[in-house]
């Protein structure tokens, strides 16, 4: 199984990038026991359109093109479900057990995503009602993916 994190915007060199990469590598290493091949990060350029609805549409089209066939799609959405770490691990385990080739986590831009992309989501995942910078959302997501792999492999990292 492959995991893809597709995000609008690019991380600049700095602590967020370093922390993201640290958790990505840890998740891949721990996830090998689960048949996890890799975690790919796909960065979509932010649209330069002057109109917010056009920016949202352009970014949504770009994200939709990177979703592999038959992938489980998870949308990071402040209005989504507030799933705990064990719950996320359960979703991943179920998708893996059902033979899904990939899981794609979508992080939209500041203007959100078009309804056509949102409708593809099997899970809308929230990290709470606070507004988070996209850079931190990516770090938090990668940490949760690492945590999920440790839960599924019985590693002691996760303590409830």
N, C-alpha and C. Protein backbone atom coordinates (compact mmCIF):
# COMPACT_ATOMS: atom_id res chain seq x y z
N UNK A 1 0.85 -1.18 0.00
CA UNK A 1 0.00 0.00 0.00
C UNK A 1 0.89 1.24 0.00
N UNK A 2 0.41 2.21 -0.69
CA UNK A 2 1.12 3.48 -0.81
C UNK A 2 0.27 4.57 -0.14
N UNK A 3 0.93 5.50 0.50
CA UNK A 3 0.24 6.66 1.06
C UNK A 3 0.74 7.89 0.34
N UNK A 4 -0.19 8.74 -0.03
CA UNK A 4 0.13 9.99 -0.71
C UNK A 4 -0.43 11.14 0.12
N UNK A 5 0.40 12.13 0.37
CA UNK A 5 -0.05 13.37 0.98
C UNK A 5 0.06 14.41 -0.12
N UNK A 6 -1.08 14.87 -0.61
CA UNK A 6 -1.12 15.87 -1.68
C UNK A 6 -1.59 17.18 -1.07
N UNK A 7 -0.75 18.20 -1.18
CA UNK A 7 -1.03 19.46 -0.51
C UNK A 7 -0.85 20.63 -1.45
N UNK A 8 -1.75 21.60 -1.32
CA UNK A 8 -1.58 22.85 -2.03
C UNK A 8 -0.55 23.67 -1.26
N UNK A 9 0.46 24.12 -1.96
CA UNK A 9 1.53 24.91 -1.34
C UNK A 9 2.77 24.08 -1.10
N UNK A 10 3.86 24.78 -1.02
CA UNK A 10 5.15 24.13 -0.82
C UNK A 10 5.73 24.52 0.53
N UNK A 11 6.35 23.55 1.18
CA UNK A 11 7.05 23.87 2.42
C UNK A 11 8.42 24.42 2.06
N UNK A 12 8.77 25.52 2.69
CA UNK A 12 10.11 26.09 2.51
C UNK A 12 11.05 25.38 3.46
N UNK A 13 12.33 25.45 3.17
CA UNK A 13 13.31 24.85 4.08
C UNK A 13 13.16 25.48 5.45
N UNK A 14 13.22 24.65 6.45
CA UNK A 14 13.08 25.14 7.81
C UNK A 14 12.56 24.06 8.73
N UNK A 15 12.18 24.43 9.94
CA UNK A 15 11.80 23.42 10.94
C UNK A 15 10.58 22.59 10.56
N UNK A 16 9.61 23.20 9.86
CA UNK A 16 8.42 22.43 9.48
C UNK A 16 8.80 21.33 8.48
N UNK A 17 9.66 21.67 7.54
CA UNK A 17 10.11 20.69 6.55
C UNK A 17 10.90 19.57 7.22
N UNK A 18 11.80 19.95 8.12
CA UNK A 18 12.61 18.95 8.82
C UNK A 18 11.74 18.02 9.65
N UNK A 19 10.79 18.57 10.36
CA UNK A 19 9.91 17.75 11.19
C UNK A 19 9.01 16.86 10.33
N UNK A 20 8.48 17.41 9.25
CA UNK A 20 7.67 16.62 8.32
C UNK A 20 8.46 15.43 7.80
N UNK A 21 9.67 15.68 7.37
CA UNK A 21 10.49 14.61 6.81
C UNK A 21 10.86 13.57 7.87
N UNK A 22 11.09 14.02 9.08
CA UNK A 22 11.41 13.09 10.16
C UNK A 22 10.25 12.12 10.40
N UNK A 23 9.01 12.65 10.49
CA UNK A 23 7.86 11.78 10.71
C UNK A 23 7.55 10.93 9.49
N UNK A 24 7.75 11.46 8.29
CA UNK A 24 7.53 10.67 7.07
C UNK A 24 8.46 9.46 7.06
N UNK A 25 9.73 9.68 7.33
CA UNK A 25 10.71 8.58 7.34
C UNK A 25 10.39 7.55 8.41
N UNK A 26 10.00 8.02 9.59
CA UNK A 26 9.64 7.10 10.67
C UNK A 26 8.42 6.26 10.29
N UNK A 27 7.44 6.91 9.71
CA UNK A 27 6.22 6.18 9.32
C UNK A 27 6.53 5.14 8.26
N UNK A 28 7.36 5.49 7.29
CA UNK A 28 7.73 4.53 6.24
C UNK A 28 8.48 3.35 6.86
N UNK A 29 9.43 3.64 7.73
CA UNK A 29 10.23 2.58 8.35
C UNK A 29 9.35 1.64 9.17
N UNK A 30 8.50 2.18 10.01
CA UNK A 30 7.61 1.35 10.83
C UNK A 30 6.56 0.66 9.97
N UNK A 31 6.09 1.36 8.95
CA UNK A 31 5.04 0.83 8.09
C UNK A 31 5.45 -0.30 7.17
N UNK A 32 6.74 -0.52 7.00
CA UNK A 32 7.19 -1.63 6.15
C UNK A 32 6.63 -2.96 6.63
N UNK A 33 6.50 -3.11 7.94
CA UNK A 33 5.94 -4.35 8.51
C UNK A 33 4.48 -4.54 8.09
N UNK A 34 3.84 -3.46 7.71
CA UNK A 34 2.43 -3.49 7.32
C UNK A 34 2.24 -3.57 5.81
N UNK A 35 3.36 -3.59 5.07
CA UNK A 35 3.27 -3.58 3.62
C UNK A 35 3.19 -2.17 3.04
N UNK A 36 3.52 -1.18 3.85
CA UNK A 36 3.54 0.20 3.38
C UNK A 36 4.79 0.41 2.53
N UNK A 37 4.57 0.77 1.27
CA UNK A 37 5.70 0.97 0.37
C UNK A 37 6.40 2.29 0.59
N UNK A 38 5.62 3.34 0.68
CA UNK A 38 6.21 4.67 0.82
C UNK A 38 5.13 5.67 1.16
N UNK A 39 5.56 6.84 1.58
CA UNK A 39 4.67 7.98 1.74
C UNK A 39 5.21 9.05 0.80
N UNK A 40 4.44 9.32 -0.23
CA UNK A 40 4.83 10.32 -1.21
C UNK A 40 4.19 11.66 -0.85
N UNK A 41 4.98 12.70 -0.95
CA UNK A 41 4.49 14.06 -0.75
C UNK A 41 4.40 14.72 -2.12
N UNK A 42 3.21 15.16 -2.48
CA UNK A 42 3.01 15.85 -3.74
C UNK A 42 2.57 17.27 -3.41
N UNK A 43 3.36 18.22 -3.83
CA UNK A 43 3.05 19.62 -3.58
C UNK A 43 2.48 20.25 -4.84
N UNK A 44 1.32 20.83 -4.69
CA UNK A 44 0.62 21.49 -5.80
C UNK A 44 0.86 23.00 -5.66
N UNK A 45 1.23 23.62 -6.76
CA UNK A 45 1.43 25.07 -6.72
C UNK A 45 0.13 25.78 -6.38
N UNK A 46 0.26 26.81 -5.57
CA UNK A 46 -0.90 27.65 -5.27
C UNK A 46 -1.28 28.41 -6.54
N UNK A 47 -2.55 28.48 -6.81
CA UNK A 47 -3.04 29.22 -7.97
C UNK A 47 -2.76 30.71 -7.78
N UNK A 48 -2.46 31.36 -8.87
CA UNK A 48 -2.20 32.81 -8.85
C UNK A 48 -3.43 33.61 -9.33
N UNK A 49 -4.54 32.92 -9.54
CA UNK A 49 -5.74 33.59 -10.02
C UNK A 49 -6.18 34.66 -9.02
N UNK A 50 -6.70 35.76 -9.53
CA UNK A 50 -7.14 36.87 -8.68
C UNK A 50 -8.43 36.53 -7.93
N UNK A 51 -9.27 35.72 -8.53
CA UNK A 51 -10.57 35.38 -7.98
C UNK A 51 -10.47 34.11 -7.12
N UNK A 52 -11.02 34.16 -5.90
CA UNK A 52 -10.93 33.03 -4.97
C UNK A 52 -11.57 31.76 -5.54
N UNK A 53 -12.72 31.90 -6.20
CA UNK A 53 -13.38 30.70 -6.74
C UNK A 53 -12.56 30.08 -7.86
N UNK A 54 -11.89 30.89 -8.64
CA UNK A 54 -11.03 30.35 -9.70
C UNK A 54 -9.79 29.68 -9.10
N UNK A 55 -9.23 30.28 -8.03
CA UNK A 55 -8.08 29.66 -7.35
C UNK A 55 -8.47 28.29 -6.82
N UNK A 56 -9.65 28.24 -6.16
CA UNK A 56 -10.12 26.98 -5.60
C UNK A 56 -10.30 25.93 -6.70
N UNK A 57 -10.88 26.31 -7.81
CA UNK A 57 -11.11 25.38 -8.91
C UNK A 57 -9.79 24.87 -9.49
N UNK A 58 -8.86 25.77 -9.75
CA UNK A 58 -7.56 25.35 -10.31
C UNK A 58 -6.82 24.41 -9.37
N UNK A 59 -6.81 24.73 -8.08
CA UNK A 59 -6.12 23.87 -7.12
C UNK A 59 -6.84 22.53 -6.96
N UNK A 60 -8.14 22.54 -7.02
CA UNK A 60 -8.92 21.30 -6.92
C UNK A 60 -8.65 20.39 -8.11
N UNK A 61 -8.59 20.95 -9.30
CA UNK A 61 -8.29 20.15 -10.50
C UNK A 61 -6.91 19.54 -10.37
N UNK A 62 -5.95 20.32 -9.92
CA UNK A 62 -4.57 19.82 -9.78
C UNK A 62 -4.52 18.68 -8.75
N UNK A 63 -5.23 18.82 -7.64
CA UNK A 63 -5.24 17.75 -6.64
C UNK A 63 -5.95 16.50 -7.17
N UNK A 64 -7.05 16.69 -7.87
CA UNK A 64 -7.81 15.54 -8.38
C UNK A 64 -6.98 14.69 -9.33
N UNK A 65 -6.07 15.30 -10.05
CA UNK A 65 -5.27 14.56 -11.03
C UNK A 65 -4.23 13.64 -10.38
N UNK A 66 -3.94 13.83 -9.10
CA UNK A 66 -2.92 12.99 -8.46
C UNK A 66 -3.52 11.84 -7.65
N UNK A 67 -4.83 11.71 -7.66
CA UNK A 67 -5.48 10.62 -6.91
C UNK A 67 -5.41 9.34 -7.73
N UNK A 68 -4.67 8.32 -7.21
CA UNK A 68 -4.58 7.06 -7.94
C UNK A 68 -5.94 6.35 -8.02
N UNK A 69 -6.08 5.52 -9.03
CA UNK A 69 -7.31 4.73 -9.21
C UNK A 69 -7.53 3.83 -7.99
N UNK A 70 -8.76 3.77 -7.53
CA UNK A 70 -9.19 2.93 -6.41
C UNK A 70 -8.58 3.32 -5.06
N UNK A 71 -8.00 4.50 -4.96
CA UNK A 71 -7.41 4.95 -3.69
C UNK A 71 -8.51 5.38 -2.72
N UNK A 72 -8.24 5.17 -1.45
CA UNK A 72 -9.09 5.76 -0.41
C UNK A 72 -8.68 7.23 -0.31
N UNK A 73 -9.66 8.11 -0.28
CA UNK A 73 -9.39 9.55 -0.25
C UNK A 73 -9.81 10.11 1.10
N UNK A 74 -8.87 10.81 1.73
CA UNK A 74 -9.12 11.47 3.02
C UNK A 74 -8.88 12.96 2.81
N UNK A 75 -9.88 13.73 3.16
CA UNK A 75 -9.81 15.18 3.02
C UNK A 75 -9.57 15.79 4.39
N UNK A 76 -8.52 16.60 4.51
CA UNK A 76 -8.30 17.35 5.73
C UNK A 76 -9.26 18.53 5.70
N UNK A 77 -10.16 18.56 6.67
CA UNK A 77 -11.27 19.51 6.64
C UNK A 77 -11.59 19.95 8.06
N UNK A 78 -11.52 21.25 8.35
CA UNK A 78 -11.82 21.69 9.72
C UNK A 78 -13.25 21.35 10.17
N UNK A 79 -14.13 21.07 9.21
CA UNK A 79 -15.51 20.68 9.55
C UNK A 79 -15.69 19.17 9.53
N UNK A 80 -14.59 18.44 9.39
CA UNK A 80 -14.66 16.99 9.31
C UNK A 80 -14.74 16.33 10.68
N UNK A 81 -14.53 15.02 10.68
CA UNK A 81 -14.58 14.24 11.92
C UNK A 81 -13.29 14.42 12.70
N UNK A 82 -13.42 14.55 13.99
CA UNK A 82 -12.28 14.62 14.88
C UNK A 82 -11.97 13.19 15.33
N UNK A 83 -11.15 12.50 14.56
CA UNK A 83 -10.85 11.08 14.77
C UNK A 83 -9.60 10.97 15.64
N UNK A 84 -9.67 10.11 16.67
CA UNK A 84 -8.47 9.92 17.48
C UNK A 84 -7.46 9.05 16.74
N UNK A 85 -6.28 8.93 17.31
CA UNK A 85 -5.19 8.20 16.64
C UNK A 85 -5.52 6.75 16.38
N UNK A 86 -6.12 6.09 17.35
CA UNK A 86 -6.51 4.68 17.17
C UNK A 86 -7.57 4.56 16.08
N UNK A 87 -8.46 5.53 16.00
CA UNK A 87 -9.48 5.52 14.95
C UNK A 87 -8.88 5.67 13.57
N UNK A 88 -7.90 6.55 13.43
CA UNK A 88 -7.22 6.70 12.14
C UNK A 88 -6.49 5.40 11.79
N UNK A 89 -5.83 4.81 12.77
CA UNK A 89 -5.15 3.53 12.52
C UNK A 89 -6.15 2.47 12.07
N UNK A 90 -7.34 2.46 12.64
CA UNK A 90 -8.38 1.50 12.24
C UNK A 90 -8.82 1.71 10.80
N UNK A 91 -8.99 2.98 10.40
CA UNK A 91 -9.34 3.27 9.01
C UNK A 91 -8.26 2.75 8.07
N UNK A 92 -7.01 3.02 8.41
CA UNK A 92 -5.90 2.58 7.56
C UNK A 92 -5.88 1.06 7.48
N UNK A 93 -6.06 0.40 8.61
CA UNK A 93 -6.06 -1.07 8.62
C UNK A 93 -7.19 -1.62 7.77
N UNK A 94 -8.36 -1.00 7.84
CA UNK A 94 -9.51 -1.48 7.05
C UNK A 94 -9.26 -1.29 5.56
N UNK A 95 -8.72 -0.14 5.16
CA UNK A 95 -8.42 0.08 3.74
C UNK A 95 -7.37 -0.91 3.25
N UNK A 96 -6.39 -1.17 4.10
CA UNK A 96 -5.36 -2.15 3.74
C UNK A 96 -5.97 -3.54 3.60
N UNK A 97 -6.81 -3.93 4.54
CA UNK A 97 -7.45 -5.25 4.52
C UNK A 97 -8.36 -5.41 3.31
N UNK A 98 -8.94 -4.32 2.84
CA UNK A 98 -9.82 -4.36 1.67
C UNK A 98 -9.06 -4.25 0.36
N UNK A 99 -7.75 -4.29 0.43
CA UNK A 99 -6.93 -4.31 -0.78
C UNK A 99 -6.80 -2.99 -1.50
N UNK A 100 -7.03 -1.89 -0.80
CA UNK A 100 -6.88 -0.58 -1.44
C UNK A 100 -5.41 -0.38 -1.79
N UNK A 101 -5.10 0.06 -3.01
CA UNK A 101 -3.70 0.22 -3.41
C UNK A 101 -3.04 1.45 -2.80
N UNK A 102 -3.86 2.43 -2.41
CA UNK A 102 -3.30 3.68 -1.89
C UNK A 102 -4.32 4.39 -1.02
N UNK A 103 -3.79 5.26 -0.17
CA UNK A 103 -4.60 6.20 0.58
C UNK A 103 -4.04 7.58 0.23
N UNK A 104 -4.92 8.49 -0.12
CA UNK A 104 -4.50 9.85 -0.47
C UNK A 104 -5.10 10.81 0.54
N UNK A 105 -4.24 11.58 1.17
CA UNK A 105 -4.66 12.63 2.09
C UNK A 105 -4.54 13.95 1.35
N UNK A 106 -5.65 14.69 1.26
CA UNK A 106 -5.67 15.94 0.52
C UNK A 106 -5.70 17.13 1.49
N UNK A 107 -4.76 18.05 1.30
CA UNK A 107 -4.71 19.28 2.07
C UNK A 107 -4.93 20.41 1.08
N UNK A 108 -6.09 21.03 1.14
CA UNK A 108 -6.43 22.08 0.19
C UNK A 108 -5.76 23.40 0.52
N UNK A 109 -5.98 24.36 -0.34
CA UNK A 109 -5.44 25.70 -0.16
C UNK A 109 -6.32 26.53 0.76
N UNK A 110 -5.95 27.77 0.90
CA UNK A 110 -6.65 28.69 1.81
C UNK A 110 -8.11 28.92 1.41
N UNK A 111 -8.42 28.74 0.11
CA UNK A 111 -9.79 28.97 -0.36
C UNK A 111 -10.64 27.71 -0.33
N UNK A 112 -10.08 26.59 0.11
CA UNK A 112 -10.83 25.34 0.17
C UNK A 112 -10.75 24.57 -1.13
N UNK A 113 -11.62 23.58 -1.25
CA UNK A 113 -11.64 22.71 -2.42
C UNK A 113 -13.03 22.67 -3.03
N UNK A 114 -13.07 22.41 -4.31
CA UNK A 114 -14.34 22.31 -5.03
C UNK A 114 -15.13 21.10 -4.53
N UNK A 115 -16.44 21.19 -4.62
CA UNK A 115 -17.32 20.11 -4.16
C UNK A 115 -17.01 18.79 -4.87
N UNK A 116 -16.62 18.83 -6.12
CA UNK A 116 -16.33 17.59 -6.85
C UNK A 116 -15.17 16.83 -6.23
N UNK A 117 -14.20 17.52 -5.68
CA UNK A 117 -13.08 16.85 -5.00
C UNK A 117 -13.53 16.39 -3.62
N UNK A 118 -14.25 17.24 -2.92
CA UNK A 118 -14.73 16.88 -1.57
C UNK A 118 -15.59 15.63 -1.59
N UNK A 119 -16.38 15.46 -2.65
CA UNK A 119 -17.27 14.29 -2.76
C UNK A 119 -16.51 12.98 -2.90
N UNK A 120 -15.25 13.04 -3.32
CA UNK A 120 -14.43 11.83 -3.46
C UNK A 120 -13.98 11.28 -2.11
N UNK A 121 -14.05 12.11 -1.08
CA UNK A 121 -13.51 11.74 0.23
C UNK A 121 -14.36 10.68 0.91
N UNK A 122 -13.71 9.64 1.38
CA UNK A 122 -14.35 8.62 2.20
C UNK A 122 -14.32 9.03 3.67
N UNK A 123 -13.38 9.91 3.98
CA UNK A 123 -13.25 10.41 5.34
C UNK A 123 -12.84 11.87 5.26
N UNK A 124 -13.54 12.68 6.02
CA UNK A 124 -13.14 14.08 6.19
C UNK A 124 -12.56 14.18 7.59
N UNK A 125 -11.28 14.45 7.66
CA UNK A 125 -10.53 14.40 8.90
C UNK A 125 -10.25 15.81 9.40
N UNK A 126 -10.53 16.05 10.67
CA UNK A 126 -10.30 17.36 11.28
C UNK A 126 -9.28 17.23 12.40
N UNK A 127 -8.46 18.24 12.53
CA UNK A 127 -7.57 18.34 13.69
C UNK A 127 -8.11 19.39 14.66
N UNK A 128 -9.40 19.46 14.76
CA UNK A 128 -10.05 20.38 15.69
C UNK A 128 -10.60 21.60 14.97
N UNK A 129 -11.24 22.45 15.73
CA UNK A 129 -11.91 23.61 15.15
C UNK A 129 -11.00 24.81 14.99
N UNK A 130 -9.81 24.76 15.56
CA UNK A 130 -8.87 25.87 15.40
C UNK A 130 -8.39 25.93 13.96
N UNK A 131 -8.00 27.11 13.53
CA UNK A 131 -7.43 27.27 12.20
C UNK A 131 -5.92 27.03 12.31
N UNK A 132 -5.42 26.09 11.49
CA UNK A 132 -4.00 25.73 11.52
C UNK A 132 -3.34 26.13 10.21
N UNK A 133 -2.09 26.62 10.27
CA UNK A 133 -1.36 26.86 9.01
C UNK A 133 -1.16 25.53 8.29
N UNK A 134 -1.19 25.58 6.97
CA UNK A 134 -1.06 24.35 6.19
C UNK A 134 0.25 23.61 6.49
N UNK A 135 1.30 24.36 6.81
CA UNK A 135 2.58 23.72 7.13
C UNK A 135 2.45 22.85 8.38
N UNK A 136 1.75 23.35 9.38
CA UNK A 136 1.58 22.58 10.61
C UNK A 136 0.62 21.42 10.42
N UNK A 137 -0.39 21.60 9.58
CA UNK A 137 -1.32 20.50 9.30
C UNK A 137 -0.54 19.33 8.69
N UNK A 138 0.39 19.64 7.79
CA UNK A 138 1.17 18.57 7.18
C UNK A 138 2.03 17.86 8.23
N UNK A 139 2.66 18.62 9.13
CA UNK A 139 3.45 18.01 10.20
C UNK A 139 2.56 17.13 11.07
N UNK A 140 1.39 17.66 11.47
CA UNK A 140 0.49 16.89 12.34
C UNK A 140 -0.01 15.63 11.63
N UNK A 141 -0.31 15.73 10.35
CA UNK A 141 -0.77 14.56 9.60
C UNK A 141 0.33 13.50 9.55
N UNK A 142 1.54 13.89 9.23
CA UNK A 142 2.63 12.91 9.14
C UNK A 142 2.93 12.29 10.50
N UNK A 143 2.81 13.08 11.56
CA UNK A 143 2.99 12.49 12.89
C UNK A 143 1.89 11.48 13.17
N UNK A 144 0.66 11.78 12.79
CA UNK A 144 -0.44 10.85 13.00
C UNK A 144 -0.29 9.59 12.15
N UNK A 145 0.28 9.73 10.96
CA UNK A 145 0.54 8.54 10.14
C UNK A 145 1.62 7.68 10.80
N UNK A 146 2.64 8.31 11.34
CA UNK A 146 3.66 7.56 12.08
C UNK A 146 3.02 6.87 13.28
N UNK A 147 2.20 7.61 14.02
CA UNK A 147 1.54 7.05 15.19
C UNK A 147 0.64 5.87 14.79
N UNK A 148 -0.07 6.01 13.68
CA UNK A 148 -0.95 4.92 13.21
C UNK A 148 -0.14 3.67 12.91
N UNK A 149 1.02 3.85 12.27
CA UNK A 149 1.85 2.66 11.96
C UNK A 149 2.36 2.02 13.24
N UNK A 150 2.67 2.84 14.24
CA UNK A 150 3.14 2.24 15.50
C UNK A 150 2.01 1.52 16.23
N UNK A 151 0.81 2.05 16.15
CA UNK A 151 -0.34 1.37 16.76
C UNK A 151 -0.56 0.03 16.08
N UNK A 152 -0.53 0.02 14.75
CA UNK A 152 -0.81 -1.20 14.01
C UNK A 152 0.28 -2.25 14.12
N UNK A 153 1.51 -1.84 14.43
CA UNK A 153 2.60 -2.80 14.60
C UNK A 153 2.89 -3.14 16.06
N UNK A 154 2.15 -2.51 16.98
CA UNK A 154 2.37 -2.80 18.40
C UNK A 154 3.59 -2.12 18.99
N UNK A 155 4.12 -1.14 18.33
CA UNK A 155 5.27 -0.36 18.81
C UNK A 155 4.83 0.48 20.00
N UNK A 156 5.67 0.68 20.99
CA UNK A 156 5.24 1.40 22.20
C UNK A 156 5.15 2.93 22.09
N UNK A 157 5.38 3.51 20.91
CA UNK A 157 5.32 4.97 20.77
C UNK A 157 3.99 5.54 21.24
N UNK A 158 2.90 4.88 20.84
CA UNK A 158 1.57 5.39 21.20
C UNK A 158 1.17 4.92 22.59
N UNK A 159 0.84 5.89 23.40
CA UNK A 159 0.30 5.57 24.73
C UNK A 159 -0.98 6.36 24.89
N UNK A 160 -2.06 5.70 25.07
CA UNK A 160 -3.37 6.36 25.17
C UNK A 160 -3.52 7.10 26.47
